[in-house]
PDB file of N, CA and C in Angstrom:
ATOM      1  N   ASN A   1       0.598  -1.244  -0.088  1.00  0.00           N
ATOM      2  CA  ASN A   1       0.053  -0.074   0.229  1.00  0.00           C
ATOM      3  C   ASN A   1       0.828   1.220  -0.487  1.00  0.00           C
ATOM      4  N   ALA A   2       2.104   1.342   0.748  1.00  0.00           N
ATOM      5  CA  ALA A   2       2.997   2.503   0.401  1.00  0.00           C
ATOM      6  C   ALA A   2       2.825   2.788  -0.515  1.00  0.00           C
ATOM      7  N   CYS A   3       3.640   1.342  -1.136  1.00  0.00           N
ATOM      8  CA  CYS A   3       4.177   1.944  -2.792  1.00  0.00           C
ATOM      9  C   CYS A   3       3.554   2.751  -3.828  1.00  0.00           C
ATOM     10  N   ILE A   4       2.270   2.092  -3.595  1.00  0.00           N
ATOM     11  CA  ILE A   4       1.374   2.535  -4.453  1.00  0.00           C
ATOM     12  C   ILE A   4       0.616   4.352  -4.217  1.00  0.00           C
ATOM     13  N   GLY A   5       0.639   4.288  -2.780  1.00  0.00           N
ATOM     14  CA  GLY A   5       0.885   5.757  -2.547  1.00  0.00           C
ATOM     15  C   GLY A   5       1.137   6.880  -3.156  1.00  0.00           C
ATOM     16  N   LYS A   6       3.092   6.604  -2.987  1.00  0.00           N
ATOM     17  CA  LYS A   6       4.406   6.882  -3.278  1.00  0.00           C
ATOM     18  C   LYS A   6       4.361   7.333  -4.856  1.00  0.00           C
ATOM     19  N   SER A   7       4.193   6.180  -5.653  1.00  0.00           N
ATOM     20  CA  SER A   7       3.511   6.299  -7.336  1.00  0.00           C
ATOM     21  C   SER A   7       2.815   7.435  -7.723  1.00  0.00           C
ATOM     22  N   TYR A   8       1.586   7.526  -6.402  1.00  0.00           N
ATOM     23  CA  TYR A   8       0.012   8.493  -6.696  1.00  0.00           C
ATOM     24  C   TYR A   8       0.800   9.973  -6.098  1.00  0.00           C
ATOM     25  N   GLU A   9       1.149  10.260  -5.218  1.00  0.00           N
ATOM     26  CA  GLU A   9       1.991  11.120  -4.922  1.00  0.00           C
ATOM     27  C   GLU A   9       2.248  12.266  -6.234  1.00  0.00           C
ATOM     28  N   HIS A  10       2.502  11.975  -7.697  1.00  0.00           N
ATOM     29  CA  HIS A  10       3.201  12.217  -8.712  1.00  0.00           C
ATOM     30  C   HIS A  10       1.960  13.092  -8.908  1.00  0.00           C
ATOM     31  N   HIS A  11       1.028  12.135  -9.059  1.00  0.00           N
ATOM     32  CA  HIS A  11      -0.027  12.588 -10.097  1.00  0.00           C
ATOM     33  C   HIS A  11      -1.509  12.611  -9.162  1.00  0.00           C
ATOM     34  N   PRO A  12      -1.616  13.858  -8.924  1.00  0.00           N
ATOM     35  CA  PRO A  12      -2.802  13.859  -7.988  1.00  0.00           C
ATOM     36  C   PRO A  12      -4.292  14.069  -8.606  1.00  0.00           C
ATOM     37  N   ALA A  13      -4.073  14.710  -9.812  1.00  0.00           N
ATOM     38  CA  ALA A  13      -5.346  14.058 -10.789  1.00  0.00           C
ATOM     39  C   ALA A  13      -5.774  12.516 -10.430  1.00  0.00           C
ATOM     40  N   VAL A  14      -5.385  11.546 -11.172  1.00  0.00           N
ATOM     41  CA  VAL A  14      -5.428  10.240 -10.717  1.00  0.00           C
ATOM     42  C   VAL A  14      -5.606   9.807  -9.642  1.00  0.00           C
ATOM     43  N   LEU A  15      -5.165  10.134  -8.540  1.00  0.00           N
ATOM     44  CA  LEU A  15      -5.471   9.794  -7.624  1.00  0.00           C
ATOM     45  C   LEU A  15      -7.248  10.831  -6.487  1.00  0.00           C
ATOM     46  N   SER A  16      -7.494  11.746  -7.299  1.00  0.00           N
ATOM     47  CA  SER A  16      -8.842  12.342  -7.280  1.00  0.00           C
ATOM     48  C   SER A  16      -9.527  12.026  -7.790  1.00  0.00           C
ATOM     49  N   LYS A  17      -9.022  11.318  -8.809  1.00  0.00           N
ATOM     50  CA  LYS A  17     -10.332  10.591  -9.652  1.00  0.00           C
ATOM     51  C   LYS A  17      -9.992   8.744  -9.249  1.00  0.00           C
ATOM     52  N   ALA A  18      -9.812   8.314  -8.630  1.00  0.00           N
ATOM     53  CA  ALA A  18     -10.038   6.605  -8.323  1.00  0.00           C
ATOM     54  C   ALA A  18     -11.113   6.968  -7.191  1.00  0.00           C
ATOM     55  N   ALA A  19     -10.641   8.085  -6.193  1.00  0.00           N
ATOM     56  CA  ALA A  19     -11.177   8.021  -4.993  1.00  0.00           C
ATOM     57  C   ALA A  19     -12.746   8.570  -5.123  1.00  0.00           C
ATOM     58  N   MET A  20     -12.655   9.399  -6.349  1.00  0.00           N
ATOM     59  CA  MET A  20     -14.042  10.071  -6.366  1.00  0.00           C
ATOM     60  C   MET A  20     -15.047   8.917  -7.277  1.00  0.00           C
ATOM     61  N   VAL A  21     -14.008   8.026  -7.531  1.00  0.00           N
ATOM     62  CA  VAL A  21     -15.231   6.450  -8.717  1.00  0.00           C
ATOM     63  C   VAL A  21     -15.301   5.820  -7.388  1.00  0.00           C
ATOM     64  N   LYS A  22     -14.049   5.429  -6.620  1.00  0.00           N
ATOM     65  CA  LYS A  22     -14.367   5.103  -5.496  1.00  0.00           C
ATOM     66  C   LYS A  22     -15.426   5.223  -4.480  1.00  0.00           C
ATOM     67  N   ILE A  23     -15.944   6.527  -4.232  1.00  0.00           N
ATOM     68  CA  ILE A  23     -16.809   7.214  -3.592  1.00  0.00           C
ATOM     69  C   ILE A  23     -18.307   6.738  -4.204  1.00  0.00           C
ATOM     70  N   LEU A  24     -18.037   7.237  -5.576  1.00  0.00           N
ATOM     71  CA  LEU A  24     -19.402   7.041  -6.145  1.00  0.00           C
ATOM     72  C   LEU A  24     -20.006   5.568  -6.075  1.00  0.00           C
ATOM     73  N   SER A  25     -19.255   4.617  -6.503  1.00  0.00           N
ATOM     74  CA  SER A  25     -19.376   3.568  -6.470  1.00  0.00           C
ATOM     75  C   SER A  25     -19.648   3.175  -4.903  1.00  0.00           C
ATOM     76  N   SER A  26     -19.524   3.480  -4.013  1.00  0.00           N
ATOM     77  CA  SER A  26     -19.673   2.750  -2.245  1.00  0.00           C
ATOM     78  C   SER A  26     -20.934   3.454  -2.779  1.00  0.00           C
ATOM     79  N   VAL A  27     -21.676   5.066  -2.870  1.00  0.00           N
ATOM     80  CA  VAL A  27     -22.465   5.247  -2.402  1.00  0.00           C
ATOM     81  C   VAL A  27     -24.079   4.428  -3.327  1.00  0.00           C
ATOM     82  N   VAL A  28     -23.404   4.798  -4.308  1.00  0.00           N
ATOM     83  CA  VAL A  28     -24.705   3.695  -5.179  1.00  0.00           C
ATOM     84  C   VAL A  28     -24.688   2.094  -4.282  1.00  0.00           C
ATOM     85  N   ILE A  29     -23.436   1.508  -3.943  1.00  0.00           N
ATOM     86  CA  ILE A  29     -23.749   0.693  -3.258  1.00  0.00           C
ATOM     87  C   ILE A  29     -24.719   0.285  -2.575  1.00  0.00           C
ATOM     88  N   ALA A  30     -24.303   1.310  -1.744  1.00  0.00           N
ATOM     89  CA  ALA A  30     -24.924   1.642  -0.555  1.00  0.00           C
ATOM     90  C   ALA A  30     -26.272   1.735  -0.620  1.00  0.00           C
ATOM     91  N   PHE A  31     -26.839   2.692  -1.486  1.00  0.00           N
ATOM     92  CA  PHE A  31     -28.154   3.118  -1.973  1.00  0.00           C
ATOM     93  C   PHE A  31     -29.115   1.280  -2.486  1.00  0.00           C
ATOM     94  N   PHE A  32     -27.933   0.480  -3.188  1.00  0.00           N
ATOM     95  CA  PHE A  32     -28.404  -0.236  -3.709  1.00  0.00           C
ATOM     96  C   PHE A  32     -29.168  -1.518  -2.735  1.00  0.00           C
ATOM     97  N   ASN A  33     -28.266  -1.370  -1.876  1.00  0.00           N
ATOM     98  CA  ASN A  33     -28.246  -2.322  -1.087  1.00  0.00           C
ATOM     99  C   ASN A  33     -29.703  -1.592   0.101  1.00  0.00           C
ATOM    100  N   VAL A  34     -30.110  -0.662   0.000  1.00  0.00           N
ATOM    101  CA  VAL A  34     -30.889  -0.136   1.375  1.00  0.00           C
ATOM    102  C   VAL A  34     -32.096  -0.394   0.677  1.00  0.00           C
ATOM    103  N   GLU A  35     -31.984  -0.144  -0.950  1.00  0.00           N
ATOM    104  CA  GLU A  35     -33.090  -0.423  -1.643  1.00  0.00           C
ATOM    105  C   GLU A  35     -33.370  -2.075  -1.553  1.00  0.00           C
ATOM    106  N   MET A  36     -32.988  -3.007  -1.550  1.00  0.00           N
ATOM    107  CA  MET A  36     -32.786  -4.069  -1.522  1.00  0.00           C
ATOM    108  C   MET A  36     -33.474  -4.643  -0.099  1.00  0.00           C
ATOM    109  N   ALA A  37     -33.058  -3.994   0.986  1.00  0.00           N
ATOM    110  CA  ALA A  37     -32.985  -4.580   2.170  1.00  0.00           C
ATOM    111  C   ALA A  37     -35.039  -3.534   2.256  1.00  0.00           C
ATOM    112  N   ARG A  38     -35.408  -2.534   1.690  1.00  0.00           N
ATOM    113  CA  ARG A  38     -36.438  -1.800   2.014  1.00  0.00           C
ATOM    114  C   ARG A  38     -37.507  -2.812   0.899  1.00  0.00           C
ATOM    115  N   LEU A  39     -37.157  -3.715  -0.351  1.00  0.00           N
ATOM    116  CA  LEU A  39     -38.064  -4.381  -0.468  1.00  0.00           C
ATOM    117  C   LEU A  39     -38.384  -5.459  -0.030  1.00  0.00           C
ATOM    118  N   LYS A  40     -37.607  -6.039   0.697  1.00  0.00           N
ATOM    119  CA  LYS A  40     -37.256  -7.230   1.084  1.00  0.00           C
ATOM    120  C   LYS A  40     -38.388  -6.991   2.721  1.00  0.00           C
ATOM    121  N   ASN A  41     -38.559  -6.218   2.865  1.00  0.00           N
ATOM    122  CA  ASN A  41     -38.874  -5.492   4.390  1.00  0.00           C
ATOM    123  C   ASN A  41     -40.164  -5.714   3.978  1.00  0.00           C
ATOM    124  N   MET A  42     -40.995  -4.752   2.646  1.00  0.00           N
ATOM    125  CA  MET A  42     -42.076  -4.540   2.245  1.00  0.00           C
ATOM    126  C   MET A  42     -42.904  -6.270   1.745  1.00  0.00           C
ATOM    127  N   LYS A  43     -41.647  -6.631   1.066  1.00  0.00           N
ATOM    128  CA  LYS A  43     -42.554  -7.978   0.774  1.00  0.00           C
ATOM    129  C   LYS A  43     -42.571  -8.764   2.262  1.00  0.00           C
ATOM    130  N   TYR A  44     -41.661  -9.019   3.313  1.00  0.00           N
ATOM    131  CA  TYR A  44     -42.101  -9.340   4.633  1.00  0.00           C
ATOM    132  C   TYR A  44     -42.949  -9.084   5.197  1.00  0.00           C
ATOM    133  N   ILE A  45     -43.408  -8.142   4.853  1.00  0.00           N
ATOM    134  CA  ILE A  45     -44.305  -7.525   6.079  1.00  0.00           C
ATOM    135  C   ILE A  45     -45.402  -7.636   5.351  1.00  0.00           C
ATOM    136  N   GLN A  46     -45.057  -7.792   4.135  1.00  0.00           N
ATOM    137  CA  GLN A  46     -47.067  -8.586   3.251  1.00  0.00           C
ATOM    138  C   GLN A  46     -47.390 -10.024   3.139  1.00  0.00           C
ATOM    139  N   ARG A  47     -46.283 -10.934   3.522  1.00  0.00           N
ATOM    140  CA  ARG A  47     -46.131 -12.130   3.902  1.00  0.00           C
ATOM    141  C   ARG A  47     -47.333 -11.888   5.366  1.00  0.00           C
ATOM    142  N   LYS A  48     -46.307 -11.422   6.191  1.00  0.00           N
ATOM    143  CA  LYS A  48     -46.558 -11.562   7.296  1.00  0.00           C
ATOM    144  C   LYS A  48     -48.644 -10.848   7.792  1.00  0.00           C
ATOM    145  N   LEU A  49     -48.739  -9.877   6.806  1.00  0.00           N
ATOM    146  CA  LEU A  49     -50.287  -9.653   6.702  1.00  0.00           C
ATOM    147  C   LEU A  49     -50.873 -10.975   6.020  1.00  0.00           C
ATOM    148  N   ASN A  50     -50.360 -11.009   5.044  1.00  0.00           N
ATOM    149  CA  ASN A  50     -51.282 -12.211   4.749  1.00  0.00           C
ATOM    150  C   ASN A  50     -50.805 -13.616   5.202  1.00  0.00           C
ATOM    151  N   ASN A  51     -50.233 -14.149   6.204  1.00  0.00           N
ATOM    152  CA  ASN A  51     -50.471 -15.426   6.975  1.00  0.00           C
ATOM    153  C   ASN A  51     -50.108 -14.652   8.175  1.00  0.00           C
ATOM    154  N   PRO A  52     -50.394 -14.637   9.129  1.00  0.00           N
ATOM    155  CA  PRO A  52     -49.254 -14.219  10.487  1.00  0.00           C
ATOM    156  C   PRO A  52     -48.867 -15.239  10.649  1.00  0.00           C
ATOM    157  N   THR A  53     -49.164 -16.344  10.449  1.00  0.00           N
ATOM    158  CA  THR A  53     -49.193 -17.695  11.152  1.00  0.00           C
ATOM    159  C   THR A  53     -47.258 -18.057  11.015  1.00  0.00           C
ATOM    160  N   THR A  54     -47.118 -17.209   9.999  1.00  0.00           N
ATOM    161  CA  THR A  54     -45.289 -18.224   9.080  1.00  0.00           C
ATOM    162  C   THR A  54     -44.643 -17.705  10.279  1.00  0.00           C
ATOM    163  N   PRO A  55     -43.477 -18.246  10.411  1.00  0.00           N
ATOM    164  CA  PRO A  55     -42.473 -18.253  11.329  1.00  0.00           C
ATOM    165  C   PRO A  55     -41.394 -17.024  10.843  1.00  0.00           C
ATOM    166  N   VAL A  56     -40.939 -16.296  11.668  1.00  0.00           N
ATOM    167  CA  VAL A  56     -40.266 -15.208  11.550  1.00  0.00           C
ATOM    168  C   VAL A  56     -39.054 -15.063  10.798  1.00  0.00           C
ATOM    169  N   PHE A  57     -38.165 -16.299  10.781  1.00  0.00           N
ATOM    170  CA  PHE A  57     -37.185 -16.168  10.124  1.00  0.00           C
ATOM    171  C   PHE A  57     -37.005 -17.072   8.530  1.00  0.00           C
ATOM    172  N   GLN A  58     -38.138 -17.201   8.283  1.00  0.00           N
ATOM    173  CA  GLN A  58     -38.764 -17.943   6.992  1.00  0.00           C
ATOM    174  C   GLN A  58     -38.273 -16.394   6.047  1.00  0.00           C
ATOM    175  N   MET A  59     -37.887 -17.241   5.032  1.00  0.00           N
ATOM    176  CA  MET A  59     -36.940 -16.493   3.682  1.00  0.00           C
ATOM    177  C   MET A  59     -37.971 -16.778   2.883  1.00  0.00           C
TER     178      MET A  59
END
Protein backbone atom coordinates (compact mmCIF):
# COMPACT_ATOMS: atom_id res chain seq x y z
CA ASN A 1 0.00 0.00 0.00
CA ALA A 2 2.86 2.41 0.78
CA CYS A 3 4.31 1.90 -2.71
CA ILE A 4 0.96 2.68 -4.34
CA GLY A 5 0.63 5.86 -2.25
CA LYS A 6 4.10 7.04 -3.31
CA SER A 7 3.39 6.46 -6.99
CA TYR A 8 0.13 8.41 -6.72
CA GLU A 9 1.74 11.34 -4.89
CA HIS A 10 3.09 12.64 -8.21
CA HIS A 11 -0.34 12.40 -9.89
CA PRO A 12 -2.96 14.10 -7.70
CA ALA A 13 -5.45 14.12 -10.59
CA VAL A 14 -5.29 10.33 -10.88
CA LEU A 15 -5.72 9.97 -7.13
CA SER A 16 -8.75 12.26 -7.01
CA LYS A 17 -10.30 10.46 -9.99
CA ALA A 18 -9.78 7.09 -8.34
CA ALA A 19 -11.12 8.41 -5.05
CA MET A 20 -14.18 9.85 -6.77
CA VAL A 21 -14.88 6.56 -8.55
CA LYS A 22 -14.47 4.71 -5.25
CA ILE A 23 -16.83 7.10 -3.44
CA LEU A 24 -19.40 6.97 -6.24
CA SER A 25 -19.36 3.19 -6.41
CA SER A 26 -19.66 2.86 -2.62
CA VAL A 27 -22.61 5.30 -2.62
CA VAL A 28 -24.31 3.35 -5.42
CA ILE A 29 -23.72 0.05 -3.60
CA ALA A 30 -25.01 1.47 -0.32
CA PHE A 31 -28.11 2.88 -2.03
CA PHE A 32 -28.70 -0.45 -3.78
CA ASN A 33 -28.37 -2.35 -0.49
CA VAL A 34 -30.82 0.01 1.23
CA GLU A 35 -33.33 -0.37 -1.61
CA MET A 36 -33.00 -4.17 -1.55
CA ALA A 37 -33.52 -4.21 2.22
CA ARG A 38 -36.57 -1.98 1.85
CA LEU A 39 -38.07 -4.22 -0.83
CA LYS A 40 -37.39 -7.31 1.29
CA ASN A 41 -39.03 -5.64 4.28
CA MET A 42 -42.09 -4.71 2.24
CA LYS A 43 -42.39 -8.26 0.89
CA TYR A 44 -41.89 -9.66 4.38
CA ILE A 45 -44.56 -7.36 5.85
CA GLN A 46 -47.00 -8.25 3.07
CA ARG A 47 -46.36 -11.96 3.69
CA LYS A 48 -46.87 -11.43 7.42
CA LEU A 49 -50.18 -9.68 6.76
CA ASN A 50 -51.30 -12.41 4.34
CA ASN A 51 -50.24 -15.24 6.63
CA PRO A 52 -49.62 -14.17 10.26
CA THR A 53 -48.68 -17.71 11.33
CA THR A 54 -45.48 -17.85 9.23
CA PRO A 55 -42.29 -18.12 11.31
CA VAL A 56 -40.20 -14.99 11.56
CA PHE A 57 -37.00 -16.43 10.05
CA GLN A 58 -38.58 -17.99 6.97
CA MET A 59 -37.14 -16.45 3.80
